[in-house]
Amino acid sequence: MWRHGDVIIEKIKKLPEGLSKKKTHILVKGEITGHAHRFQDPRSVQLWEDNGALFFEVLEPSASLIHEEHNTIEFKKGTYLVKIQREYTPKEIVRIRD
């Protein structure tokens, strides 16, 4: 499992059925700073989504996830599930804003 700021990434065995391809290399865009968790080489990955769930597949031997405020993470060829960190407050559970 990897953490890249408010993004948590877990390696999975295979992608679920019925996912839709995303046409971007941006994993998550920051709401406050405008910075993005994105892959350095768009050709190295394919992003997928379904009902708010986000996945990516590394197509090359490796792919670099970059962000202006975090260290680069190298992912090996394979499939991954993306989770966004959430924060509990007495009123509600809110998504962490990067």
PDB file of N, CA and C in Angstrom:
ATOM      1  N   MET A   1       0.847  -1.172   0.000  1.00  0.00           N
ATOM      2  CA  MET A   1       0.000   0.000   0.000  1.00  0.00           C
ATOM      3  C   MET A   1       0.895   1.238   0.000  1.00  0.00           C
ATOM      4  N   TRP A   2       0.472   2.253  -0.741  1.00  0.00           N
ATOM      5  CA  TRP A   2       1.231   3.492  -0.854  1.00  0.00           C
ATOM      6  C   TRP A   2       0.335   4.673  -0.505  1.00  0.00           C
ATOM      7  N   ARG A   3       0.961   5.724   0.018  1.00  0.00           N
ATOM      8  CA  ARG A   3       0.251   6.966   0.306  1.00  0.00           C
ATOM      9  C   ARG A   3       0.966   8.090  -0.425  1.00  0.00           C
ATOM     10  N   HIS A   4       0.203   8.889  -1.143  1.00  0.00           N
ATOM     11  CA  HIS A   4       0.724  10.024  -1.902  1.00  0.00           C
ATOM     12  C   HIS A   4      -0.135  11.224  -1.511  1.00  0.00           C
ATOM     13  N   GLY A   5       0.203  11.842  -0.366  1.00  0.00           N
ATOM     14  CA  GLY A   5      -0.643  12.906   0.171  1.00  0.00           C
ATOM     15  C   GLY A   5      -1.953  12.319   0.643  1.00  0.00           C
ATOM     16  N   ASP A   6      -3.072  12.820   0.110  1.00  0.00           N
ATOM     17  CA  ASP A   6      -4.388  12.332   0.507  1.00  0.00           C
ATOM     18  C   ASP A   6      -4.854  11.136  -0.317  1.00  0.00           C
ATOM     19  N   VAL A   7      -4.002  10.640  -1.202  1.00  0.00           N
ATOM     20  CA  VAL A   7      -4.333   9.511  -2.067  1.00  0.00           C
ATOM     21  C   VAL A   7      -3.673   8.247  -1.517  1.00  0.00           C
ATOM     22  N   ILE A   8      -4.468   7.199  -1.358  1.00  0.00           N
ATOM     23  CA  ILE A   8      -3.979   5.902  -0.889  1.00  0.00           C
ATOM     24  C   ILE A   8      -4.160   4.907  -2.027  1.00  0.00           C
ATOM     25  N   ILE A   9      -3.117   4.139  -2.303  1.00  0.00           N
ATOM     26  CA  ILE A   9      -3.132   3.228  -3.449  1.00  0.00           C
ATOM     27  C   ILE A   9      -2.821   1.819  -2.977  1.00  0.00           C
ATOM     28  N   GLU A  10      -3.623   0.883  -3.451  1.00  0.00           N
ATOM     29  CA  GLU A  10      -3.485  -0.518  -3.063  1.00  0.00           C
ATOM     30  C   GLU A  10      -3.375  -1.384  -4.311  1.00  0.00           C
ATOM     31  N   LYS A  11      -2.411  -2.282  -4.342  1.00  0.00           N
ATOM     32  CA  LYS A  11      -2.272  -3.210  -5.473  1.00  0.00           C
ATOM     33  C   LYS A  11      -3.378  -4.258  -5.375  1.00  0.00           C
ATOM     34  N   ILE A  12      -4.006  -4.550  -6.515  1.00  0.00           N
ATOM     35  CA  ILE A  12      -5.049  -5.572  -6.565  1.00  0.00           C
ATOM     36  C   ILE A  12      -4.695  -6.600  -7.629  1.00  0.00           C
ATOM     37  N   LYS A  13      -5.341  -7.773  -7.567  1.00  0.00           N
ATOM     38  CA  LYS A  13      -5.013  -8.851  -8.504  1.00  0.00           C
ATOM     39  C   LYS A  13      -5.517  -8.579  -9.913  1.00  0.00           C
ATOM     40  N   LYS A  14      -6.754  -8.046 -10.027  1.00  0.00           N
ATOM     41  CA  LYS A  14      -7.282  -7.751 -11.355  1.00  0.00           C
ATOM     42  C   LYS A  14      -8.354  -6.680 -11.252  1.00  0.00           C
ATOM     43  N   LEU A  15      -8.625  -6.048 -12.375  1.00  0.00           N
ATOM     44  CA  LEU A  15      -9.645  -5.013 -12.419  1.00  0.00           C
ATOM     45  C   LEU A  15     -11.032  -5.638 -12.350  1.00  0.00           C
ATOM     46  N   PRO A  16     -11.978  -4.986 -11.670  1.00  0.00           N
ATOM     47  CA  PRO A  16     -13.359  -5.476 -11.676  1.00  0.00           C
ATOM     48  C   PRO A  16     -13.969  -5.343 -13.074  1.00  0.00           C
ATOM     49  N   GLU A  17     -15.049  -6.044 -13.317  1.00  0.00           N
ATOM     50  CA  GLU A  17     -15.766  -5.964 -14.592  1.00  0.00           C
ATOM     51  C   GLU A  17     -16.555  -4.659 -14.666  1.00  0.00           C
ATOM     52  N   GLY A  18     -16.819  -4.196 -15.869  1.00  0.00           N
ATOM     53  CA  GLY A  18     -17.722  -3.085 -16.093  1.00  0.00           C
ATOM     54  C   GLY A  18     -17.158  -1.693 -15.876  1.00  0.00           C
ATOM     55  N   LEU A  19     -15.844  -1.546 -15.858  1.00  0.00           N
ATOM     56  CA  LEU A  19     -15.242  -0.231 -15.645  1.00  0.00           C
ATOM     57  C   LEU A  19     -15.262   0.597 -16.933  1.00  0.00           C
ATOM     58  N   SER A  20     -15.235   1.915 -16.766  1.00  0.00           N
ATOM     59  CA  SER A  20     -15.150   2.835 -17.905  1.00  0.00           C
ATOM     60  C   SER A  20     -13.743   3.417 -17.965  1.00  0.00           C
ATOM     61  N   LYS A  21     -13.190   3.497 -19.184  1.00  0.00           N
ATOM     62  CA  LYS A  21     -11.870   4.097 -19.364  1.00  0.00           C
ATOM     63  C   LYS A  21     -11.945   5.593 -19.153  1.00  0.00           C
ATOM     64  N   LYS A  22     -10.928   6.136 -18.481  1.00  0.00           N
ATOM     65  CA  LYS A  22     -10.783   7.584 -18.367  1.00  0.00           C
ATOM     66  C   LYS A  22      -9.773   8.024 -19.424  1.00  0.00           C
ATOM     67  N   LYS A  23      -9.969   9.203 -19.965  1.00  0.00           N
ATOM     68  CA  LYS A  23      -9.078   9.699 -21.019  1.00  0.00           C
ATOM     69  C   LYS A  23      -8.128  10.745 -20.461  1.00  0.00           C
ATOM     70  N   THR A  24      -7.460  10.410 -19.380  1.00  0.00           N
ATOM     71  CA  THR A  24      -6.537  11.337 -18.739  1.00  0.00           C
ATOM     72  C   THR A  24      -5.439  10.555 -18.027  1.00  0.00           C
ATOM     73  N   HIS A  25      -4.346  11.218 -17.717  1.00  0.00           N
ATOM     74  CA  HIS A  25      -3.289  10.619 -16.905  1.00  0.00           C
ATOM     75  C   HIS A  25      -3.280  11.251 -15.512  1.00  0.00           C
ATOM     76  N   ILE A  26      -4.293  12.099 -15.238  1.00  0.00           N
ATOM     77  CA  ILE A  26      -4.419  12.735 -13.921  1.00  0.00           C
ATOM     78  C   ILE A  26      -5.237  11.832 -13.022  1.00  0.00           C
ATOM     79  N   LEU A  27      -4.605  11.383 -11.951  1.00  0.00           N
ATOM     80  CA  LEU A  27      -5.265  10.496 -11.017  1.00  0.00           C
ATOM     81  C   LEU A  27      -6.280  11.272 -10.181  1.00  0.00           C
ATOM     82  N   VAL A  28      -5.816  12.340  -9.510  1.00  0.00           N
ATOM     83  CA  VAL A  28      -6.688  13.182  -8.683  1.00  0.00           C
ATOM     84  C   VAL A  28      -6.179  14.612  -8.786  1.00  0.00           C
ATOM     85  N   LYS A  29      -7.087  15.539  -9.017  1.00  0.00           N
ATOM     86  CA  LYS A  29      -6.727  16.948  -9.089  1.00  0.00           C
ATOM     87  C   LYS A  29      -7.020  17.610  -7.754  1.00  0.00           C
ATOM     88  N   GLY A  30      -6.089  18.421  -7.261  1.00  0.00           N
ATOM     89  CA  GLY A  30      -6.265  19.120  -5.991  1.00  0.00           C
ATOM     90  C   GLY A  30      -7.300  20.223  -6.095  1.00  0.00           C
ATOM     91  N   GLU A  31      -8.216  20.290  -5.137  1.00  0.00           N
ATOM     92  CA  GLU A  31      -9.276  21.292  -5.156  1.00  0.00           C
ATOM     93  C   GLU A  31      -8.776  22.665  -4.730  1.00  0.00           C
ATOM     94  N   ILE A  32      -7.811  22.708  -3.836  1.00  0.00           N
ATOM     95  CA  ILE A  32      -7.360  23.980  -3.283  1.00  0.00           C
ATOM     96  C   ILE A  32      -6.185  24.547  -4.079  1.00  0.00           C
ATOM     97  N   THR A  33      -5.145  23.759  -4.285  1.00  0.00           N
ATOM     98  CA  THR A  33      -3.931  24.255  -4.930  1.00  0.00           C
ATOM     99  C   THR A  33      -3.956  24.154  -6.452  1.00  0.00           C
ATOM    100  N   GLY A  34      -4.803  23.278  -6.974  1.00  0.00           N
ATOM    101  CA  GLY A  34      -4.793  23.034  -8.412  1.00  0.00           C
ATOM    102  C   GLY A  34      -3.717  22.052  -8.834  1.00  0.00           C
ATOM    103  N   HIS A  35      -2.865  21.636  -7.888  1.00  0.00           N
ATOM    104  CA  HIS A  35      -1.866  20.615  -8.182  1.00  0.00           C
ATOM    105  C   HIS A  35      -2.586  19.290  -8.417  1.00  0.00           C
ATOM    106  N   ALA A  36      -1.922  18.388  -9.116  1.00  0.00           N
ATOM    107  CA  ALA A  36      -2.563  17.117  -9.435  1.00  0.00           C
ATOM    108  C   ALA A  36      -1.635  15.948  -9.163  1.00  0.00           C
ATOM    109  N   HIS A  37      -2.217  14.859  -8.701  1.00  0.00           N
ATOM    110  CA  HIS A  37      -1.535  13.577  -8.625  1.00  0.00           C
ATOM    111  C   HIS A  37      -1.684  13.006 -10.034  1.00  0.00           C
ATOM    112  N   ARG A  38      -0.566  12.930 -10.780  1.00  0.00           N
ATOM    113  CA  ARG A  38      -0.650  12.536 -12.171  1.00  0.00           C
ATOM    114  C   ARG A  38       0.545  11.666 -12.550  1.00  0.00           C
ATOM    115  N   PHE A  39       0.368  10.937 -13.628  1.00  0.00           N
ATOM    116  CA  PHE A  39       1.453  10.090 -14.103  1.00  0.00           C
ATOM    117  C   PHE A  39       2.311  10.874 -15.090  1.00  0.00           C
ATOM    118  N   GLN A  40       3.616  10.764 -14.899  1.00  0.00           N
ATOM    119  CA  GLN A  40       4.567  11.527 -15.696  1.00  0.00           C
ATOM    120  C   GLN A  40       4.431  11.213 -17.182  1.00  0.00           C
ATOM    121  N   ASP A  41       4.304   9.951 -17.526  1.00  0.00           N
ATOM    122  CA  ASP A  41       4.160   9.540 -18.926  1.00  0.00           C
ATOM    123  C   ASP A  41       2.739   9.002 -19.122  1.00  0.00           C
ATOM    124  N   PRO A  42       1.879   9.760 -19.781  1.00  0.00           N
ATOM    125  CA  PRO A  42       0.488   9.333 -19.968  1.00  0.00           C
ATOM    126  C   PRO A  42       0.347   7.979 -20.656  1.00  0.00           C
ATOM    127  N   ARG A  43       1.325   7.581 -21.465  1.00  0.00           N
ATOM    128  CA  ARG A  43       1.253   6.296 -22.176  1.00  0.00           C
ATOM    129  C   ARG A  43       1.528   5.103 -21.270  1.00  0.00           C
ATOM    130  N   SER A  44       2.041   5.340 -20.074  1.00  0.00           N
ATOM    131  CA  SER A  44       2.435   4.241 -19.186  1.00  0.00           C
ATOM    132  C   SER A  44       1.270   3.656 -18.398  1.00  0.00           C
ATOM    133  N   VAL A  45       0.116   4.345 -18.398  1.00  0.00           N
ATOM    134  CA  VAL A  45      -1.014   3.897 -17.578  1.00  0.00           C
ATOM    135  C   VAL A  45      -2.349   4.041 -18.312  1.00  0.00           C
ATOM    136  N   GLN A  46      -3.317   3.287 -17.813  1.00  0.00           N
ATOM    137  CA  GLN A  46      -4.713   3.471 -18.210  1.00  0.00           C
ATOM    138  C   GLN A  46      -5.508   3.625 -16.924  1.00  0.00           C
ATOM    139  N   LEU A  47      -6.283   4.695 -16.814  1.00  0.00           N
ATOM    140  CA  LEU A  47      -7.137   4.920 -15.653  1.00  0.00           C
ATOM    141  C   LEU A  47      -8.539   4.418 -15.952  1.00  0.00           C
ATOM    142  N   TRP A  48      -9.193   3.908 -14.908  1.00  0.00           N
ATOM    143  CA  TRP A  48     -10.533   3.329 -15.009  1.00  0.00           C
ATOM    144  C   TRP A  48     -11.376   3.863 -13.864  1.00  0.00           C
ATOM    145  N   GLU A  49     -12.709   3.908 -14.064  1.00  0.00           N
ATOM    146  CA  GLU A  49     -13.603   4.309 -12.983  1.00  0.00           C
ATOM    147  C   GLU A  49     -14.947   3.611 -13.102  1.00  0.00           C
ATOM    148  N   ASP A  50     -15.652   3.563 -11.966  1.00  0.00           N
ATOM    149  CA  ASP A  50     -17.002   3.027 -11.933  1.00  0.00           C
ATOM    150  C   ASP A  50     -17.669   3.471 -10.639  1.00  0.00           C
ATOM    151  N   ASN A  51     -18.742   4.219 -10.743  1.00  0.00           N
ATOM    152  CA  ASN A  51     -19.515   4.672  -9.579  1.00  0.00           C
ATOM    153  C   ASN A  51     -18.644   5.278  -8.489  1.00  0.00           C
ATOM    154  N   GLY A  52     -17.737   6.141  -8.855  1.00  0.00           N
ATOM    155  CA  GLY A  52     -16.884   6.810  -7.882  1.00  0.00           C
ATOM    156  C   GLY A  52     -15.628   6.046  -7.504  1.00  0.00           C
ATOM    157  N   ALA A  53     -15.541   4.772  -7.877  1.00  0.00           N
ATOM    158  CA  ALA A  53     -14.327   3.986  -7.612  1.00  0.00           C
ATOM    159  C   ALA A  53     -13.320   4.276  -8.726  1.00  0.00           C
ATOM    160  N   LEU A  54     -12.059   4.382  -8.353  1.00  0.00           N
ATOM    161  CA  LEU A  54     -11.000   4.721  -9.303  1.00  0.00           C
ATOM    162  C   LEU A  54      -9.912   3.653  -9.268  1.00  0.00           C
ATOM    163  N   PHE A  55      -9.445   3.272 -10.454  1.00  0.00           N
ATOM    164  CA  PHE A  55      -8.424   2.249 -10.613  1.00  0.00           C
ATOM    165  C   PHE A  55      -7.423   2.720 -11.661  1.00  0.00           C
ATOM    166  N   PHE A  56      -6.228   2.129 -11.633  1.00  0.00           N
ATOM    167  CA  PHE A  56      -5.302   2.331 -12.743  1.00  0.00           C
ATOM    168  C   PHE A  56      -4.539   1.057 -13.018  1.00  0.00           C
ATOM    169  N   GLU A  57      -4.100   0.953 -14.253  1.00  0.00           N
ATOM    170  CA  GLU A  57      -3.342  -0.194 -14.716  1.00  0.00           C
ATOM    171  C   GLU A  57      -2.045   0.329 -15.313  1.00  0.00           C
ATOM    172  N   VAL A  58      -0.921  -0.158 -14.809  1.00  0.00           N
ATOM    173  CA  VAL A  58       0.376   0.226 -15.357  1.00  0.00           C
ATOM    174  C   VAL A  58       0.649  -0.694 -16.543  1.00  0.00           C
ATOM    175  N   LEU A  59       0.804  -0.086 -17.717  1.00  0.00           N
ATOM    176  CA  LEU A  59       0.969  -0.834 -18.959  1.00  0.00           C
ATOM    177  C   LEU A  59       2.424  -1.086 -19.321  1.00  0.00           C
ATOM    178  N   GLU A  60       3.304  -0.232 -18.850  1.00  0.00           N
ATOM    179  CA  GLU A  60       4.743  -0.330 -19.104  1.00  0.00           C
ATOM    180  C   GLU A  60       5.404  -1.050 -17.919  1.00  0.00           C
ATOM    181  N   PRO A  61       6.704  -1.321 -17.986  1.00  0.00           N
ATOM    182  CA  PRO A  61       7.370  -1.949 -16.831  1.00  0.00           C
ATOM    183  C   PRO A  61       7.195  -1.148 -15.539  1.00  0.00           C
ATOM    184  N   SER A  62       7.097   0.196 -15.650  1.00  0.00           N
ATOM    185  CA  SER A  62       6.839   1.013 -14.465  1.00  0.00           C
ATOM    186  C   SER A  62       6.206   2.336 -14.894  1.00  0.00           C
ATOM    187  N   ALA A  63       5.624   3.033 -13.906  1.00  0.00           N
ATOM    188  CA  ALA A  63       5.010   4.342 -14.144  1.00  0.00           C
ATOM    189  C   ALA A  63       5.293   5.211 -12.926  1.00  0.00           C
ATOM    190  N   SER A  64       5.579   6.489 -13.172  1.00  0.00           N
ATOM    191  CA  SER A  64       5.908   7.438 -12.101  1.00  0.00           C
ATOM    192  C   SER A  64       4.708   8.320 -11.784  1.00  0.00           C
ATOM    193  N   LEU A  65       4.266   8.275 -10.512  1.00  0.00           N
ATOM    194  CA  LEU A  65       3.201   9.150 -10.037  1.00  0.00           C
ATOM    195  C   LEU A  65       3.861  10.381  -9.431  1.00  0.00           C
ATOM    196  N   ILE A  66       3.517  11.568  -9.948  1.00  0.00           N
ATOM    197  CA  ILE A  66       4.164  12.802  -9.508  1.00  0.00           C
ATOM    198  C   ILE A  66       3.142  13.789  -8.954  1.00  0.00           C
ATOM    199  N   HIS A  67       3.637  14.733  -8.152  1.00  0.00           N
ATOM    200  CA  HIS A  67       2.841  15.812  -7.556  1.00  0.00           C
ATOM    201  C   HIS A  67       3.836  16.851  -7.067  1.00  0.00           C
ATOM    202  N   GLU A  68       3.450  18.109  -7.132  1.00  0.00           N
ATOM    203  CA  GLU A  68       4.351  19.193  -6.752  1.00  0.00           C
ATOM    204  C   GLU A  68       4.778  19.155  -5.288  1.00  0.00           C
ATOM    205  N   GLU A  69       3.958  18.583  -4.414  1.00  0.00           N
ATOM    206  CA  GLU A  69       4.248  18.611  -2.977  1.00  0.00           C
ATOM    207  C   GLU A  69       4.642  17.269  -2.373  1.00  0.00           C
ATOM    208  N   HIS A  70       4.738  16.219  -3.203  1.00  0.00           N
ATOM    209  CA  HIS A  70       5.038  14.879  -2.685  1.00  0.00           C
ATOM    210  C   HIS A  70       6.162  14.239  -3.491  1.00  0.00           C
ATOM    211  N   ASN A  71       6.827  13.296  -2.881  1.00  0.00           N
ATOM    212  CA  ASN A  71       7.859  12.545  -3.595  1.00  0.00           C
ATOM    213  C   ASN A  71       7.234  11.693  -4.685  1.00  0.00           C
ATOM    214  N   THR A  72       7.985  11.457  -5.736  1.00  0.00           N
ATOM    215  CA  THR A  72       7.534  10.596  -6.829  1.00  0.00           C
ATOM    216  C   THR A  72       7.480   9.154  -6.350  1.00  0.00           C
ATOM    217  N   ILE A  73       6.449   8.428  -6.782  1.00  0.00           N
ATOM    218  CA  ILE A  73       6.332   7.002  -6.473  1.00  0.00           C
ATOM    219  C   ILE A  73       6.346   6.239  -7.788  1.00  0.00           C
ATOM    220  N   GLU A  74       7.161   5.202  -7.847  1.00  0.00           N
ATOM    221  CA  GLU A  74       7.237   4.328  -9.023  1.00  0.00           C
ATOM    222  C   GLU A  74       6.354   3.104  -8.790  1.00  0.00           C
ATOM    223  N   PHE A  75       5.469   2.829  -9.737  1.00  0.00           N
ATOM    224  CA  PHE A  75       4.615   1.649  -9.663  1.00  0.00           C
ATOM    225  C   PHE A  75       5.023   0.668 -10.749  1.00  0.00           C
ATOM    226  N   LYS A  76       5.105  -0.595 -10.378  1.00  0.00           N
ATOM    227  CA  LYS A  76       5.438  -1.661 -11.318  1.00  0.00           C
ATOM    228  C   LYS A  76       4.189  -2.035 -12.119  1.00  0.00           C
ATOM    229  N   LYS A  77       4.412  -2.696 -13.240  1.00  0.00           N
ATOM    230  CA  LYS A  77       3.312  -3.156 -14.087  1.00  0.00           C
ATOM    231  C   LYS A  77       2.320  -3.936 -13.229  1.00  0.00           C
ATOM    232  N   GLY A  78       1.032  -3.613 -13.357  1.00  0.00           N
ATOM    233  CA  GLY A  78       0.004  -4.277 -12.577  1.00  0.00           C
ATOM    234  C   GLY A  78      -1.235  -3.412 -12.467  1.00  0.00           C
ATOM    235  N   THR A  79      -2.151  -3.812 -11.581  1.00  0.00           N
ATOM    236  CA  THR A  79      -3.417  -3.109 -11.403  1.00  0.00           C
ATOM    237  C   THR A  79      -3.538  -2.607  -9.968  1.00  0.00           C
ATOM    238  N   TYR A  80      -4.178  -1.438  -9.804  1.00  0.00           N
ATOM    239  CA  TYR A  80      -4.210  -0.759  -8.522  1.00  0.00           C
ATOM    240  C   TYR A  80      -5.571  -0.106  -8.268  1.00  0.00           C
ATOM    241  N   LEU A  81      -5.954  -0.064  -7.009  1.00  0.00           N
ATOM    242  CA  LEU A  81      -7.165   0.614  -6.542  1.00  0.00           C
ATOM    243  C   LEU A  81      -6.741   1.907  -5.864  1.00  0.00           C
ATOM    244  N   VAL A  82      -7.480   2.980  -6.128  1.00  0.00           N
ATOM    245  CA  VAL A  82      -7.172   4.295  -5.570  1.00  0.00           C
ATOM    246  C   VAL A  82      -8.246   4.671  -4.559  1.00  0.00           C
ATOM    247  N   LYS A  83      -7.815   5.123  -3.386  1.00  0.00           N
ATOM    248  CA  LYS A  83      -8.745   5.584  -2.351  1.00  0.00           C
ATOM    249  C   LYS A  83      -8.334   6.995  -1.948  1.00  0.00           C
ATOM    250  N   ILE A  84      -9.317   7.836  -1.663  1.00  0.00           N
ATOM    251  CA  ILE A  84      -9.046   9.190  -1.207  1.00  0.00           C
ATOM    252  C   ILE A  84      -9.282   9.231   0.299  1.00  0.00           C
ATOM    253  N   GLN A  85      -8.288   9.728   1.029  1.00  0.00           N
ATOM    254  CA  GLN A  85      -8.378   9.800   2.485  1.00  0.00           C
ATOM    255  C   GLN A  85      -9.542  10.685   2.900  1.00  0.00           C
ATOM    256  N   ARG A  86     -10.238  10.275   3.932  1.00  0.00           N
ATOM    257  CA  ARG A  86     -11.367  11.037   4.457  1.00  0.00           C
ATOM    258  C   ARG A  86     -11.086  11.397   5.905  1.00  0.00           C
ATOM    259  N   GLU A  87     -11.775  12.419   6.392  1.00  0.00           N
ATOM    260  CA  GLU A  87     -11.570  12.905   7.747  1.00  0.00           C
ATOM    261  C   GLU A  87     -12.911  12.946   8.469  1.00  0.00           C
ATOM    262  N   TYR A  88     -12.930  12.476   9.691  1.00  0.00           N
ATOM    263  CA  TYR A  88     -14.155  12.501  10.488  1.00  0.00           C
ATOM    264  C   TYR A  88     -14.247  13.808  11.258  1.00  0.00           C
ATOM    265  N   THR A  89     -15.408  14.418  11.211  1.00  0.00           N
ATOM    266  CA  THR A  89     -15.729  15.544  12.078  1.00  0.00           C
ATOM    267  C   THR A  89     -17.047  15.189  12.747  1.00  0.00           C
ATOM    268  N   PRO A  90     -17.398  15.814  13.866  1.00  0.00           N
ATOM    269  CA  PRO A  90     -18.664  15.475  14.525  1.00  0.00           C
ATOM    270  C   PRO A  90     -19.893  15.666  13.609  1.00  0.00           C
ATOM    271  N   LYS A  91     -19.809  16.561  12.645  1.00  0.00           N
ATOM    272  CA  LYS A  91     -20.938  16.795  11.746  1.00  0.00           C
ATOM    273  C   LYS A  91     -21.021  15.781  10.612  1.00  0.00           C
ATOM    274  N   GLU A  92     -19.853  15.433  10.032  1.00  0.00           N
ATOM    275  CA  GLU A  92     -19.870  14.591   8.846  1.00  0.00           C
ATOM    276  C   GLU A  92     -18.473  14.037   8.558  1.00  0.00           C
ATOM    277  N   ILE A  93     -18.422  13.096   7.644  1.00  0.00           N
ATOM    278  CA  ILE A  93     -17.142  12.594   7.144  1.00  0.00           C
ATOM    279  C   ILE A  93     -16.847  13.391   5.878  1.00  0.00           C
ATOM    280  N   VAL A  94     -15.686  14.002   5.826  1.00  0.00           N
ATOM    281  CA  VAL A  94     -15.339  14.853   4.684  1.00  0.00           C
ATOM    282  C   VAL A  94     -14.084  14.340   3.997  1.00  0.00           C
ATOM    283  N   ARG A  95     -14.006  14.588   2.712  1.00  0.00           N
ATOM    284  CA  ARG A  95     -12.831  14.218   1.936  1.00  0.00           C
ATOM    285  C   ARG A  95     -11.709  15.207   2.259  1.00  0.00           C
ATOM    286  N   ILE A  96     -10.507  14.695   2.487  1.00  0.00           N
ATOM    287  CA  ILE A  96      -9.337  15.533   2.725  1.00  0.00           C
ATOM    288  C   ILE A  96      -9.081  16.327   1.450  1.00  0.00           C
ATOM    289  N   ARG A  97      -8.770  17.612   1.594  1.00  0.00           N
ATOM    290  CA  ARG A  97      -8.512  18.458   0.429  1.00  0.00           C
ATOM    291  C   ARG A  97      -7.031  18.756   0.351  1.00  0.00           C
ATOM    292  N   ASP A  98      -6.453  18.472  -0.781  1.00  0.00           N
ATOM    293  CA  ASP A  98      -5.025  18.620  -1.022  1.00  0.00           C
ATOM    294  C   ASP A  98      -4.699  19.981  -1.561  1.00  0.00           C
TER     295      ASP A  98
END
